[in-house]
Amino acid sequence: MSSQPDVTLGNRFIDALVAKDFDALQACLHAEVAFRALTPPGVREAASATEVRAYFQRWFGDCTEIVPIRVESIPIGERLHIAYRLDVVEEGKAYTVEQQAYCTLKGEAIAGLDLLCSGFETR
């Protein structure tokens, strides 16, 4: 029987995102993470922690406020489900964004990250 993943990794990932601490966010990722994201503009893919960090930095780096409304980090079998709804302010405009991610882990790092994003929706 397999063990379930430790949810603290998901919590660290969310905390790093909310704090815009992209070094800490990258530290949650395996160096060769497989990343697939479905975002309103289309599919995004990356094969390294540096590339994944760049996506999150592009999406959230210009936000002057990030307020978590709902966060969740729970095991689903051998995978980790990370979900968050955030109220953000970017360029003086208020948005809500929600992302759902399903992660495979390798040791203490996210080795696979499949993400679905709502996009930044006007509040």
PDB file of N, CA and C in Angstrom:
ATOM      1  N   MET A   1       0.845  -1.186   0.000  1.00  0.00           N
ATOM      2  CA  MET A   1       0.000   0.000   0.000  1.00  0.00           C
ATOM      3  C   MET A   1       0.888   1.247   0.000  1.00  0.00           C
ATOM      4  N   SER A   2       0.585   2.183  -0.850  1.00  0.00           N
ATOM      5  CA  SER A   2       1.369   3.414  -0.958  1.00  0.00           C
ATOM      6  C   SER A   2       0.971   4.401   0.123  1.00  0.00           C
ATOM      7  N   SER A   3       1.908   5.260   0.446  1.00  0.00           N
ATOM      8  CA  SER A   3       1.591   6.291   1.430  1.00  0.00           C
ATOM      9  C   SER A   3       1.085   7.536   0.718  1.00  0.00           C
ATOM     10  N   GLN A   4       0.280   8.302   1.418  1.00  0.00           N
ATOM     11  CA  GLN A   4      -0.245   9.537   0.853  1.00  0.00           C
ATOM     12  C   GLN A   4       0.796  10.640   0.984  1.00  0.00           C
ATOM     13  N   PRO A   5       0.760  11.606   0.073  1.00  0.00           N
ATOM     14  CA  PRO A   5       1.738  12.694   0.129  1.00  0.00           C
ATOM     15  C   PRO A   5       1.511  13.607   1.331  1.00  0.00           C
ATOM     16  N   ASP A   6       2.577  14.222   1.751  1.00  0.00           N
ATOM     17  CA  ASP A   6       2.546  15.175   2.857  1.00  0.00           C
ATOM     18  C   ASP A   6       1.985  16.503   2.349  1.00  0.00           C
ATOM     19  N   VAL A   7       0.905  16.965   2.942  1.00  0.00           N
ATOM     20  CA  VAL A   7       0.242  18.190   2.476  1.00  0.00           C
ATOM     21  C   VAL A   7       1.043  19.456   2.779  1.00  0.00           C
ATOM     22  N   THR A   8       2.051  19.368   3.626  1.00  0.00           N
ATOM     23  CA  THR A   8       2.814  20.583   3.953  1.00  0.00           C
ATOM     24  C   THR A   8       3.527  21.145   2.730  1.00  0.00           C
ATOM     25  N   LEU A   9       3.888  20.301   1.779  1.00  0.00           N
ATOM     26  CA  LEU A   9       4.515  20.793   0.552  1.00  0.00           C
ATOM     27  C   LEU A   9       3.545  21.691  -0.214  1.00  0.00           C
ATOM     28  N   GLY A  10       2.301  21.285  -0.306  1.00  0.00           N
ATOM     29  CA  GLY A  10       1.289  22.119  -0.959  1.00  0.00           C
ATOM     30  C   GLY A  10       1.078  23.429  -0.226  1.00  0.00           C
ATOM     31  N   ASN A  11       1.066  23.371   1.096  1.00  0.00           N
ATOM     32  CA  ASN A  11       0.909  24.597   1.884  1.00  0.00           C
ATOM     33  C   ASN A  11       2.085  25.542   1.676  1.00  0.00           C
ATOM     34  N   ARG A  12       3.302  24.993   1.614  1.00  0.00           N
ATOM     35  CA  ARG A  12       4.485  25.830   1.365  1.00  0.00           C
ATOM     36  C   ARG A  12       4.408  26.488  -0.014  1.00  0.00           C
ATOM     37  N   PHE A  13       3.935  25.734  -1.000  1.00  0.00           N
ATOM     38  CA  PHE A  13       3.789  26.265  -2.355  1.00  0.00           C
ATOM     39  C   PHE A  13       2.814  27.445  -2.361  1.00  0.00           C
ATOM     40  N   ILE A  14       1.657  27.254  -1.734  1.00  0.00           N
ATOM     41  CA  ILE A  14       0.647  28.320  -1.684  1.00  0.00           C
ATOM     42  C   ILE A  14       1.174  29.523  -0.913  1.00  0.00           C
ATOM     43  N   ASP A  15       1.790  29.293   0.239  1.00  0.00           N
ATOM     44  CA  ASP A  15       2.344  30.398   1.036  1.00  0.00           C
ATOM     45  C   ASP A  15       3.371  31.193   0.234  1.00  0.00           C
ATOM     46  N   ALA A  16       4.216  30.492  -0.507  1.00  0.00           N
ATOM     47  CA  ALA A  16       5.234  31.171  -1.319  1.00  0.00           C
ATOM     48  C   ALA A  16       4.583  32.014  -2.408  1.00  0.00           C
ATOM     49  N   LEU A  17       3.544  31.486  -3.036  1.00  0.00           N
ATOM     50  CA  LEU A  17       2.846  32.236  -4.077  1.00  0.00           C
ATOM     51  C   LEU A  17       2.206  33.496  -3.510  1.00  0.00           C
ATOM     52  N   VAL A  18       1.494  33.357  -2.403  1.00  0.00           N
ATOM     53  CA  VAL A  18       0.823  34.506  -1.783  1.00  0.00           C
ATOM     54  C   VAL A  18       1.836  35.571  -1.374  1.00  0.00           C
ATOM     55  N   ALA A  19       3.005  35.146  -0.907  1.00  0.00           N
ATOM     56  CA  ALA A  19       4.055  36.086  -0.485  1.00  0.00           C
ATOM     57  C   ALA A  19       4.883  36.603  -1.666  1.00  0.00           C
ATOM     58  N   LYS A  20       4.606  36.079  -2.864  1.00  0.00           N
ATOM     59  CA  LYS A  20       5.409  36.395  -4.053  1.00  0.00           C
ATOM     60  C   LYS A  20       6.883  36.079  -3.812  1.00  0.00           C
ATOM     61  N   ASP A  21       7.116  35.011  -3.060  1.00  0.00           N
ATOM     62  CA  ASP A  21       8.471  34.534  -2.790  1.00  0.00           C
ATOM     63  C   ASP A  21       8.766  33.442  -3.824  1.00  0.00           C
ATOM     64  N   PHE A  22       9.192  33.871  -4.997  1.00  0.00           N
ATOM     65  CA  PHE A  22       9.362  32.937  -6.100  1.00  0.00           C
ATOM     66  C   PHE A  22      10.556  32.005  -5.907  1.00  0.00           C
ATOM     67  N   ASP A  23      11.525  32.401  -5.068  1.00  0.00           N
ATOM     68  CA  ASP A  23      12.609  31.479  -4.697  1.00  0.00           C
ATOM     69  C   ASP A  23      12.034  30.302  -3.909  1.00  0.00           C
ATOM     70  N   ALA A  24      11.172  30.598  -2.939  1.00  0.00           N
ATOM     71  CA  ALA A  24      10.558  29.545  -2.123  1.00  0.00           C
ATOM     72  C   ALA A  24       9.617  28.685  -2.961  1.00  0.00           C
ATOM     73  N   LEU A  25       8.898  29.300  -3.890  1.00  0.00           N
ATOM     74  CA  LEU A  25       8.020  28.543  -4.775  1.00  0.00           C
ATOM     75  C   LEU A  25       8.852  27.563  -5.608  1.00  0.00           C
ATOM     76  N   GLN A  26       9.946  28.049  -6.178  1.00  0.00           N
ATOM     77  CA  GLN A  26      10.815  27.192  -6.982  1.00  0.00           C
ATOM     78  C   GLN A  26      11.411  26.066  -6.142  1.00  0.00           C
ATOM     79  N   ALA A  27      11.690  26.335  -4.880  1.00  0.00           N
ATOM     80  CA  ALA A  27      12.259  25.315  -3.989  1.00  0.00           C
ATOM     81  C   ALA A  27      11.289  24.156  -3.750  1.00  0.00           C
ATOM     82  N   CYS A  28      10.008  24.357  -3.989  1.00  0.00           N
ATOM     83  CA  CYS A  28       9.015  23.287  -3.853  1.00  0.00           C
ATOM     84  C   CYS A  28       9.036  22.336  -5.047  1.00  0.00           C
ATOM     85  N   LEU A  29       9.705  22.735  -6.115  1.00  0.00           N
ATOM     86  CA  LEU A  29       9.666  22.004  -7.376  1.00  0.00           C
ATOM     87  C   LEU A  29      10.927  21.177  -7.599  1.00  0.00           C
ATOM     88  N   HIS A  30      10.758  20.000  -8.160  1.00  0.00           N
ATOM     89  CA  HIS A  30      11.899  19.202  -8.607  1.00  0.00           C
ATOM     90  C   HIS A  30      12.557  19.956  -9.764  1.00  0.00           C
ATOM     91  N   ALA A  31      13.856  19.855  -9.888  1.00  0.00           N
ATOM     92  CA  ALA A  31      14.586  20.585 -10.943  1.00  0.00           C
ATOM     93  C   ALA A  31      14.047  20.279 -12.335  1.00  0.00           C
ATOM     94  N   GLU A  32      13.598  19.039 -12.556  1.00  0.00           N
ATOM     95  CA  GLU A  32      13.081  18.636 -13.867  1.00  0.00           C
ATOM     96  C   GLU A  32      11.573  18.393 -13.810  1.00  0.00           C
ATOM     97  N   VAL A  33      10.853  19.286 -13.168  1.00  0.00           N
ATOM     98  CA  VAL A  33       9.406  19.168 -13.028  1.00  0.00           C
ATOM     99  C   VAL A  33       8.736  19.161 -14.406  1.00  0.00           C
ATOM    100  N   ALA A  34       7.730  18.316 -14.553  1.00  0.00           N
ATOM    101  CA  ALA A  34       6.911  18.296 -15.766  1.00  0.00           C
ATOM    102  C   ALA A  34       5.670  19.141 -15.486  1.00  0.00           C
ATOM    103  N   PHE A  35       5.519  20.240 -16.193  1.00  0.00           N
ATOM    104  CA  PHE A  35       4.454  21.216 -15.946  1.00  0.00           C
ATOM    105  C   PHE A  35       3.558  21.311 -17.168  1.00  0.00           C
ATOM    106  N   ARG A  36       2.257  21.178 -16.920  1.00  0.00           N
ATOM    107  CA  ARG A  36       1.245  21.397 -17.954  1.00  0.00           C
ATOM    108  C   ARG A  36       0.158  22.258 -17.340  1.00  0.00           C
ATOM    109  N   ALA A  37      -0.185  23.339 -18.016  1.00  0.00           N
ATOM    110  CA  ALA A  37      -1.213  24.239 -17.497  1.00  0.00           C
ATOM    111  C   ALA A  37      -2.196  24.583 -18.603  1.00  0.00           C
ATOM    112  N   LEU A  38      -3.464  24.591 -18.248  1.00  0.00           N
ATOM    113  CA  LEU A  38      -4.504  25.065 -19.148  1.00  0.00           C
ATOM    114  C   LEU A  38      -4.975  26.401 -18.602  1.00  0.00           C
ATOM    115  N   THR A  39      -4.677  27.451 -19.342  1.00  0.00           N
ATOM    116  CA  THR A  39      -5.022  28.813 -18.947  1.00  0.00           C
ATOM    117  C   THR A  39      -5.917  29.399 -20.036  1.00  0.00           C
ATOM    118  N   PRO A  40      -6.622  30.496 -19.765  1.00  0.00           N
ATOM    119  CA  PRO A  40      -7.486  31.063 -20.795  1.00  0.00           C
ATOM    120  C   PRO A  40      -6.799  31.312 -22.152  1.00  0.00           C
ATOM    121  N   PRO A  41      -5.534  31.738 -22.197  1.00  0.00           N
ATOM    122  CA  PRO A  41      -4.929  31.871 -23.528  1.00  0.00           C
ATOM    123  C   PRO A  41      -4.578  30.540 -24.188  1.00  0.00           C
ATOM    124  N   GLY A  42      -4.488  29.457 -23.415  1.00  0.00           N
ATOM    125  CA  GLY A  42      -4.152  28.164 -23.999  1.00  0.00           C
ATOM    126  C   GLY A  42      -3.276  27.323 -23.098  1.00  0.00           C
ATOM    127  N   VAL A  43      -2.693  26.285 -23.684  1.00  0.00           N
ATOM    128  CA  VAL A  43      -1.862  25.338 -22.943  1.00  0.00           C
ATOM    129  C   VAL A  43      -0.464  25.916 -22.768  1.00  0.00           C
ATOM    130  N   ARG A  44       0.071  25.727 -21.565  1.00  0.00           N
ATOM    131  CA  ARG A  44       1.442  26.131 -21.250  1.00  0.00           C
ATOM    132  C   ARG A  44       2.165  24.891 -20.746  1.00  0.00           C
ATOM    133  N   GLU A  45       3.406  24.717 -21.174  1.00  0.00           N
ATOM    134  CA  GLU A  45       4.192  23.573 -20.723  1.00  0.00           C
ATOM    135  C   GLU A  45       5.601  24.017 -20.377  1.00  0.00           C
ATOM    136  N   ALA A  46       6.190  23.301 -19.438  1.00  0.00           N
ATOM    137  CA  ALA A  46       7.571  23.571 -19.043  1.00  0.00           C
ATOM    138  C   ALA A  46       8.178  22.271 -18.535  1.00  0.00           C
ATOM    139  N   ALA A  47       9.514  22.221 -18.558  1.00  0.00           N
ATOM    140  CA  ALA A  47      10.212  21.002 -18.149  1.00  0.00           C
ATOM    141  C   ALA A  47      11.297  21.270 -17.117  1.00  0.00           C
ATOM    142  N   SER A  48      11.241  22.443 -16.479  1.00  0.00           N
ATOM    143  CA  SER A  48      12.227  22.735 -15.431  1.00  0.00           C
ATOM    144  C   SER A  48      11.604  23.649 -14.385  1.00  0.00           C
ATOM    145  N   ALA A  49      12.165  23.587 -13.196  1.00  0.00           N
ATOM    146  CA  ALA A  49      11.685  24.441 -12.106  1.00  0.00           C
ATOM    147  C   ALA A  49      11.855  25.915 -12.456  1.00  0.00           C
ATOM    148  N   THR A  50      12.921  26.250 -13.157  1.00  0.00           N
ATOM    149  CA  THR A  50      13.165  27.641 -13.549  1.00  0.00           C
ATOM    150  C   THR A  50      12.073  28.143 -14.486  1.00  0.00           C
ATOM    151  N   GLU A  51      11.670  27.306 -15.443  1.00  0.00           N
ATOM    152  CA  GLU A  51      10.609  27.693 -16.375  1.00  0.00           C
ATOM    153  C   GLU A  51       9.264  27.840 -15.662  1.00  0.00           C
ATOM    154  N   VAL A  52       8.974  26.923 -14.745  1.00  0.00           N
ATOM    155  CA  VAL A  52       7.713  26.993 -14.002  1.00  0.00           C
ATOM    156  C   VAL A  52       7.688  28.254 -13.148  1.00  0.00           C
ATOM    157  N   ARG A  53       8.780  28.532 -12.480  1.00  0.00           N
ATOM    158  CA  ARG A  53       8.883  29.763 -11.687  1.00  0.00           C
ATOM    159  C   ARG A  53       8.586  30.976 -12.565  1.00  0.00           C
ATOM    160  N   ALA A  54       9.125  30.995 -13.770  1.00  0.00           N
ATOM    161  CA  ALA A  54       8.918  32.128 -14.677  1.00  0.00           C
ATOM    162  C   ALA A  54       7.436  32.314 -15.006  1.00  0.00           C
ATOM    163  N   TYR A  55       6.705  31.216 -15.199  1.00  0.00           N
ATOM    164  CA  TYR A  55       5.266  31.341 -15.439  1.00  0.00           C
ATOM    165  C   TYR A  55       4.570  31.998 -14.253  1.00  0.00           C
ATOM    166  N   PHE A  56       4.826  31.488 -13.050  1.00  0.00           N
ATOM    167  CA  PHE A  56       4.157  32.051 -11.875  1.00  0.00           C
ATOM    168  C   PHE A  56       4.582  33.495 -11.646  1.00  0.00           C
ATOM    169  N   GLN A  57       5.817  33.804 -11.897  1.00  0.00           N
ATOM    170  CA  GLN A  57       6.288  35.180 -11.733  1.00  0.00           C
ATOM    171  C   GLN A  57       5.615  36.091 -12.763  1.00  0.00           C
ATOM    172  N   ARG A  58       5.434  35.597 -13.978  1.00  0.00           N
ATOM    173  CA  ARG A  58       4.746  36.370 -15.016  1.00  0.00           C
ATOM    174  C   ARG A  58       3.283  36.599 -14.630  1.00  0.00           C
ATOM    175  N   TRP A  59       2.645  35.564 -14.093  1.00  0.00           N
ATOM    176  CA  TRP A  59       1.229  35.671 -13.748  1.00  0.00           C
ATOM    177  C   TRP A  59       0.985  36.527 -12.513  1.00  0.00           C
ATOM    178  N   PHE A  60       1.828  36.422 -11.496  1.00  0.00           N
ATOM    179  CA  PHE A  60       1.547  37.057 -10.210  1.00  0.00           C
ATOM    180  C   PHE A  60       2.564  38.110  -9.787  1.00  0.00           C
ATOM    181  N   GLY A  61       3.657  38.244 -10.487  1.00  0.00           N
ATOM    182  CA  GLY A  61       4.739  39.137 -10.067  1.00  0.00           C
ATOM    183  C   GLY A  61       4.367  40.603  -9.999  1.00  0.00           C
ATOM    184  N   ASP A  62       3.434  41.049 -10.846  1.00  0.00           N
ATOM    185  CA  ASP A  62       3.043  42.461 -10.850  1.00  0.00           C
ATOM    186  C   ASP A  62       1.880  42.767  -9.906  1.00  0.00           C
ATOM    187  N   CYS A  63       1.383  41.767  -9.207  1.00  0.00           N
ATOM    188  CA  CYS A  63       0.275  41.992  -8.266  1.00  0.00           C
ATOM    189  C   CYS A  63       0.789  42.777  -7.061  1.00  0.00           C
ATOM    190  N   THR A  64       0.066  43.821  -6.712  1.00  0.00           N
ATOM    191  CA  THR A  64       0.426  44.600  -5.523  1.00  0.00           C
ATOM    192  C   THR A  64      -0.258  44.054  -4.279  1.00  0.00           C
ATOM    193  N   GLU A  65      -1.291  43.258  -4.475  1.00  0.00           N
ATOM    194  CA  GLU A  65      -1.976  42.583  -3.363  1.00  0.00           C
ATOM    195  C   GLU A  65      -2.330  41.171  -3.804  1.00  0.00           C
ATOM    196  N   ILE A  66      -2.127  40.225  -2.905  1.00  0.00           N
ATOM    197  CA  ILE A  66      -2.595  38.851  -3.099  1.00  0.00           C
ATOM    198  C   ILE A  66      -3.196  38.404  -1.775  1.00  0.00           C
ATOM    199  N   VAL A  67      -4.507  38.199  -1.775  1.00  0.00           N
ATOM    200  CA  VAL A  67      -5.222  37.809  -0.558  1.00  0.00           C
ATOM    201  C   VAL A  67      -5.846  36.431  -0.786  1.00  0.00           C
ATOM    202  N   PRO A  68      -5.441  35.442   0.008  1.00  0.00           N
ATOM    203  CA  PRO A  68      -6.045  34.118  -0.152  1.00  0.00           C
ATOM    204  C   PRO A  68      -7.483  34.107   0.364  1.00  0.00           C
ATOM    205  N   ILE A  69      -8.396  33.654  -0.472  1.00  0.00           N
ATOM    206  CA  ILE A  69      -9.810  33.536  -0.102  1.00  0.00           C
ATOM    207  C   ILE A  69     -10.117  32.100   0.316  1.00  0.00           C
ATOM    208  N   ARG A  70      -9.565  31.160  -0.439  1.00  0.00           N
ATOM    209  CA  ARG A  70      -9.742  29.741  -0.122  1.00  0.00           C
ATOM    210  C   ARG A  70      -8.484  29.013  -0.570  1.00  0.00           C
ATOM    211  N   VAL A  71      -7.952  28.193   0.310  1.00  0.00           N
ATOM    212  CA  VAL A  71      -6.775  27.389  -0.039  1.00  0.00           C
ATOM    213  C   VAL A  71      -6.998  25.958   0.425  1.00  0.00           C
ATOM    214  N   GLU A  72      -6.375  25.034  -0.301  1.00  0.00           N
ATOM    215  CA  GLU A  72      -6.548  23.625   0.029  1.00  0.00           C
ATOM    216  C   GLU A  72      -5.318  22.860  -0.445  1.00  0.00           C
ATOM    217  N   SER A  73      -4.852  21.985   0.389  1.00  0.00           N
ATOM    218  CA  SER A  73      -3.771  21.064   0.045  1.00  0.00           C
ATOM    219  C   SER A  73      -4.149  19.720   0.644  1.00  0.00           C
ATOM    220  N   ILE A  74      -4.565  18.792  -0.220  1.00  0.00           N
ATOM    221  CA  ILE A  74      -5.041  17.499   0.273  1.00  0.00           C
ATOM    222  C   ILE A  74      -4.501  16.371  -0.604  1.00  0.00           C
ATOM    223  N   PRO A  75      -4.258  15.211   0.005  1.00  0.00           N
ATOM    224  CA  PRO A  75      -3.827  14.068  -0.795  1.00  0.00           C
ATOM    225  C   PRO A  75      -5.006  13.449  -1.534  1.00  0.00           C
ATOM    226  N   ILE A  76      -4.729  12.986  -2.741  1.00  0.00           N
ATOM    227  CA  ILE A  76      -5.684  12.190  -3.511  1.00  0.00           C
ATOM    228  C   ILE A  76      -4.897  10.969  -3.974  1.00  0.00           C
ATOM    229  N   GLY A  77      -5.006   9.891  -3.224  1.00  0.00           N
ATOM    230  CA  GLY A  77      -4.176   8.731  -3.503  1.00  0.00           C
ATOM    231  C   GLY A  77      -2.715   9.104  -3.332  1.00  0.00           C
ATOM    232  N   GLU A  78      -1.926   8.860  -4.365  1.00  0.00           N
ATOM    233  CA  GLU A  78      -0.504   9.187  -4.315  1.00  0.00           C
ATOM    234  C   GLU A  78      -0.210  10.596  -4.827  1.00  0.00           C
ATOM    235  N   ARG A  79      -1.234  11.306  -5.262  1.00  0.00           N
ATOM    236  CA  ARG A  79      -1.049  12.661  -5.777  1.00  0.00           C
ATOM    237  C   ARG A  79      -1.444  13.674  -4.708  1.00  0.00           C
ATOM    238  N   LEU A  80      -1.024  14.901  -4.939  1.00  0.00           N
ATOM    239  CA  LEU A  80      -1.359  16.002  -4.045  1.00  0.00           C
ATOM    240  C   LEU A  80      -2.208  17.001  -4.812  1.00  0.00           C
ATOM    241  N   HIS A  81      -3.351  17.351  -4.253  1.00  0.00           N
ATOM    242  CA  HIS A  81      -4.223  18.361  -4.854  1.00  0.00           C
ATOM    243  C   HIS A  81      -3.970  19.683  -4.144  1.00  0.00           C
ATOM    244  N   ILE A  82      -3.619  20.692  -4.915  1.00  0.00           N
ATOM    245  CA  ILE A  82      -3.405  22.044  -4.396  1.00  0.00           C
ATOM    246  C   ILE A  82      -4.413  22.946  -5.090  1.00  0.00           C
ATOM    247  N   ALA A  83      -5.176  23.704  -4.312  1.00  0.00           N
ATOM    248  CA  ALA A  83      -6.163  24.609  -4.897  1.00  0.00           C
ATOM    249  C   ALA A  83      -6.173  25.911  -4.120  1.00  0.00           C
ATOM    250  N   TYR A  84      -6.413  26.987  -4.840  1.00  0.00           N
ATOM    251  CA  TYR A  84      -6.497  28.285  -4.177  1.00  0.00           C
ATOM    252  C   TYR A  84      -7.320  29.245  -5.010  1.00  0.00           C
ATOM    253  N   ARG A  85      -8.062  30.070  -4.294  1.00  0.00           N
ATOM    254  CA  ARG A  85      -8.770  31.209  -4.879  1.00  0.00           C
ATOM    255  C   ARG A  85      -8.168  32.438  -4.227  1.00  0.00           C
ATOM    256  N   LEU A  86      -7.717  33.353  -5.054  1.00  0.00           N
ATOM    257  CA  LEU A  86      -7.028  34.541  -4.565  1.00  0.00           C
ATOM    258  C   LEU A  86      -7.708  35.794  -5.084  1.00  0.00           C
ATOM    259  N   ASP A  87      -7.833  36.785  -4.221  1.00  0.00           N
ATOM    260  CA  ASP A  87      -8.188  38.130  -4.663  1.00  0.00           C
ATOM    261  C   ASP A  87      -6.877  38.865  -4.860  1.00  0.00           C
ATOM    262  N   VAL A  88      -6.696  39.429  -6.043  1.00  0.00           N
ATOM    263  CA  VAL A  88      -5.445  40.109  -6.358  1.00  0.00           C
ATOM    264  C   VAL A  88      -5.737  41.501  -6.896  1.00  0.00           C
ATOM    265  N   VAL A  89      -4.740  42.358  -6.786  1.00  0.00           N
ATOM    266  CA  VAL A  89      -4.787  43.680  -7.406  1.00  0.00           C
ATOM    267  C   VAL A  89      -3.566  43.780  -8.301  1.00  0.00           C
ATOM    268  N   GLU A  90      -3.822  44.120  -9.561  1.00  0.00           N
ATOM    269  CA  GLU A  90      -2.746  44.291 -10.529  1.00  0.00           C
ATOM    270  C   GLU A  90      -3.034  45.561 -11.320  1.00  0.00           C
ATOM    271  N   GLU A  91      -2.057  46.447 -11.366  1.00  0.00           N
ATOM    272  CA  GLU A  91      -2.193  47.732 -12.056  1.00  0.00           C
ATOM    273  C   GLU A  91      -3.440  48.481 -11.586  1.00  0.00           C
ATOM    274  N   GLY A  92      -3.714  48.408 -10.276  1.00  0.00           N
ATOM    275  CA  GLY A  92      -4.831  49.123  -9.679  1.00  0.00           C
ATOM    276  C   GLY A  92      -6.194  48.496  -9.906  1.00  0.00           C
ATOM    277  N   LYS A  93      -6.256  47.368 -10.576  1.00  0.00           N
ATOM    278  CA  LYS A  93      -7.527  46.703 -10.860  1.00  0.00           C
ATOM    279  C   LYS A  93      -7.649  45.444 -10.012  1.00  0.00           C
ATOM    280  N   ALA A  94      -8.871  45.190  -9.514  1.00  0.00           N
ATOM    281  CA  ALA A  94      -9.133  44.052  -8.627  1.00  0.00           C
ATOM    282  C   ALA A  94      -9.633  42.852  -9.429  1.00  0.00           C
ATOM    283  N   TYR A  95      -9.030  41.707  -9.141  1.00  0.00           N
ATOM    284  CA  TYR A  95      -9.389  40.462  -9.817  1.00  0.00           C
ATOM    285  C   TYR A  95      -9.505  39.331  -8.798  1.00  0.00           C
ATOM    286  N   THR A  96     -10.189  38.278  -9.219  1.00  0.00           N
ATOM    287  CA  THR A  96     -10.168  36.999  -8.516  1.00  0.00           C
ATOM    288  C   THR A  96      -9.601  35.974  -9.488  1.00  0.00           C
ATOM    289  N   VAL A  97      -8.738  35.115  -8.984  1.00  0.00           N
ATOM    290  CA  VAL A  97      -8.162  34.045  -9.799  1.00  0.00           C
ATOM    291  C   VAL A  97      -8.210  32.755  -8.995  1.00  0.00           C
ATOM    292  N   GLU A  98      -8.514  31.676  -9.684  1.00  0.00           N
ATOM    293  CA  GLU A  98      -8.538  30.371  -9.032  1.00  0.00           C
ATOM    294  C   GLU A  98      -7.692  29.408  -9.846  1.00  0.00           C
ATOM    295  N   GLN A  99      -6.903  28.609  -9.142  1.00  0.00           N
ATOM    296  CA  GLN A  99      -6.105  27.579  -9.789  1.00  0.00           C
ATOM    297  C   GLN A  99      -6.267  26.267  -9.031  1.00  0.00           C
ATOM    298  N   GLN A 100      -6.342  25.185  -9.796  1.00  0.00           N
ATOM    299  CA  GLN A 100      -6.414  23.825  -9.265  1.00  0.00           C
ATOM    300  C   GLN A 100      -5.214  23.078  -9.824  1.00  0.00           C
ATOM    301  N   ALA A 101      -4.470  22.403  -8.983  1.00  0.00           N
ATOM    302  CA  ALA A 101      -3.296  21.667  -9.445  1.00  0.00           C
ATOM    303  C   ALA A 101      -3.295  20.258  -8.862  1.00  0.00           C
ATOM    304  N   TYR A 102      -2.868  19.321  -9.685  1.00  0.00           N
ATOM    305  CA  TYR A 102      -2.683  17.935  -9.264  1.00  0.00           C
ATOM    306  C   TYR A 102      -1.209  17.616  -9.451  1.00  0.00           C
ATOM    307  N   CYS A 103      -0.577  17.196  -8.374  1.00  0.00           N
ATOM    308  CA  CYS A 103       0.881  17.062  -8.353  1.00  0.00           C
ATOM    309  C   CYS A 103       1.306  15.633  -8.068  1.00  0.00           C
ATOM    310  N   THR A 104       2.349  15.211  -8.767  1.00  0.00           N
ATOM    311  CA  THR A 104       3.059  13.993  -8.404  1.00  0.00           C
ATOM    312  C   THR A 104       4.346  14.434  -7.724  1.00  0.00           C
ATOM    313  N   LEU A 105       4.755  13.665  -6.752  1.00  0.00           N
ATOM    314  CA  LEU A 105       5.908  14.052  -5.947  1.00  0.00           C
ATOM    315  C   LEU A 105       7.066  13.092  -6.161  1.00  0.00           C
ATOM    316  N   LYS A 106       8.251  13.636  -6.002  1.00  0.00           N
ATOM    317  CA  LYS A 106       9.476  12.837  -5.994  1.00  0.00           C
ATOM    318  C   LYS A 106      10.252  13.313  -4.786  1.00  0.00           C
ATOM    319  N   GLY A 107      10.297  12.471  -3.752  1.00  0.00           N
ATOM    320  CA  GLY A 107      10.907  12.904  -2.504  1.00  0.00           C
ATOM    321  C   GLY A 107      10.092  14.044  -1.909  1.00  0.00           C
ATOM    322  N   GLU A 108      10.754  15.131  -1.618  1.00  0.00           N
ATOM    323  CA  GLU A 108      10.109  16.298  -1.005  1.00  0.00           C
ATOM    324  C   GLU A 108       9.825  17.400  -2.019  1.00  0.00           C
ATOM    325  N   ALA A 109       9.698  17.038  -3.298  1.00  0.00           N
ATOM    326  CA  ALA A 109       9.513  18.052  -4.336  1.00  0.00           C
ATOM    327  C   ALA A 109       8.383  17.659  -5.284  1.00  0.00           C
ATOM    328  N   ILE A 110       7.788  18.657  -5.896  1.00  0.00           N
ATOM    329  CA  ILE A 110       6.760  18.446  -6.910  1.00  0.00           C
ATOM    330  C   ILE A 110       7.465  18.112  -8.223  1.00  0.00           C
ATOM    331  N   ALA A 111       7.228  16.901  -8.726  1.00  0.00           N
ATOM    332  CA  ALA A 111       7.880  16.454  -9.960  1.00  0.00           C
ATOM    333  C   ALA A 111       6.955  16.548 -11.167  1.00  0.00           C
ATOM    334  N   GLY A 112       5.660  16.585 -10.910  1.00  0.00           N
ATOM    335  CA  GLY A 112       4.659  16.746 -11.963  1.00  0.00           C
ATOM    336  C   GLY A 112       3.598  17.706 -11.478  1.00  0.00           C
ATOM    337  N   LEU A 113       3.261  18.700 -12.280  1.00  0.00           N
ATOM    338  CA  LEU A 113       2.293  19.729 -11.877  1.00  0.00           C
ATOM    339  C   LEU A 113       1.338  19.963 -13.038  1.00  0.00           C
ATOM    340  N   ASP A 114       0.103  19.475 -12.898  1.00  0.00           N
ATOM    341  CA  ASP A 114      -0.949  19.672 -13.891  1.00  0.00           C
ATOM    342  C   ASP A 114      -1.926  20.691 -13.328  1.00  0.00           C
ATOM    343  N   LEU A 115      -2.049  21.838 -13.995  1.00  0.00           N
ATOM    344  CA  LEU A 115      -2.750  22.989 -13.432  1.00  0.00           C
ATOM    345  C   LEU A 115      -3.866  23.460 -14.356  1.00  0.00           C
ATOM    346  N   LEU A 116      -4.977  23.853 -13.763  1.00  0.00           N
ATOM    347  CA  LEU A 116      -6.096  24.473 -14.470  1.00  0.00           C
ATOM    348  C   LEU A 116      -6.321  25.842 -13.850  1.00  0.00           C
ATOM    349  N   CYS A 117      -6.390  26.878 -14.680  1.00  0.00           N
ATOM    350  CA  CYS A 117      -6.502  28.254 -14.186  1.00  0.00           C
ATOM    351  C   CYS A 117      -7.749  28.933 -14.737  1.00  0.00           C
ATOM    352  N   SER A 118      -8.439  29.681 -13.880  1.00  0.00           N
ATOM    353  CA  SER A 118      -9.624  30.436 -14.284  1.00  0.00           C
ATOM    354  C   SER A 118      -9.275  31.680 -15.084  1.00  0.00           C
ATOM    355  N   GLY A 119      -8.038  32.141 -14.944  1.00  0.00           N
ATOM    356  CA  GLY A 119      -7.674  33.456 -15.465  1.00  0.00           C
ATOM    357  C   GLY A 119      -8.020  34.508 -14.431  1.00  0.00           C
ATOM    358  N   PHE A 120      -7.577  35.719 -14.661  1.00  0.00           N
ATOM    359  CA  PHE A 120      -7.869  36.828 -13.758  1.00  0.00           C
ATOM    360  C   PHE A 120      -9.240  37.381 -14.132  1.00  0.00           C
ATOM    361  N   GLU A 121     -10.218  37.155 -13.266  1.00  0.00           N
ATOM    362  CA  GLU A 121     -11.590  37.603 -13.500  1.00  0.00           C
ATOM    363  C   GLU A 121     -11.849  38.872 -12.699  1.00  0.00           C
ATOM    364  N   THR A 122     -12.418  39.880 -13.336  1.00  0.00           N
ATOM    365  CA  THR A 122     -12.684  41.161 -12.686  1.00  0.00           C
ATOM    366  C   THR A 122     -13.625  40.973 -11.506  1.00  0.00           C
ATOM    367  N   ARG A 123     -13.278  41.635 -10.376  1.00  0.00           N
ATOM    368  CA  ARG A 123     -14.154  41.605  -9.196  1.00  0.00           C
ATOM    369  C   ARG A 123     -15.087  42.791  -9.259  1.00  0.00           C
TER     370      ARG A 123
END
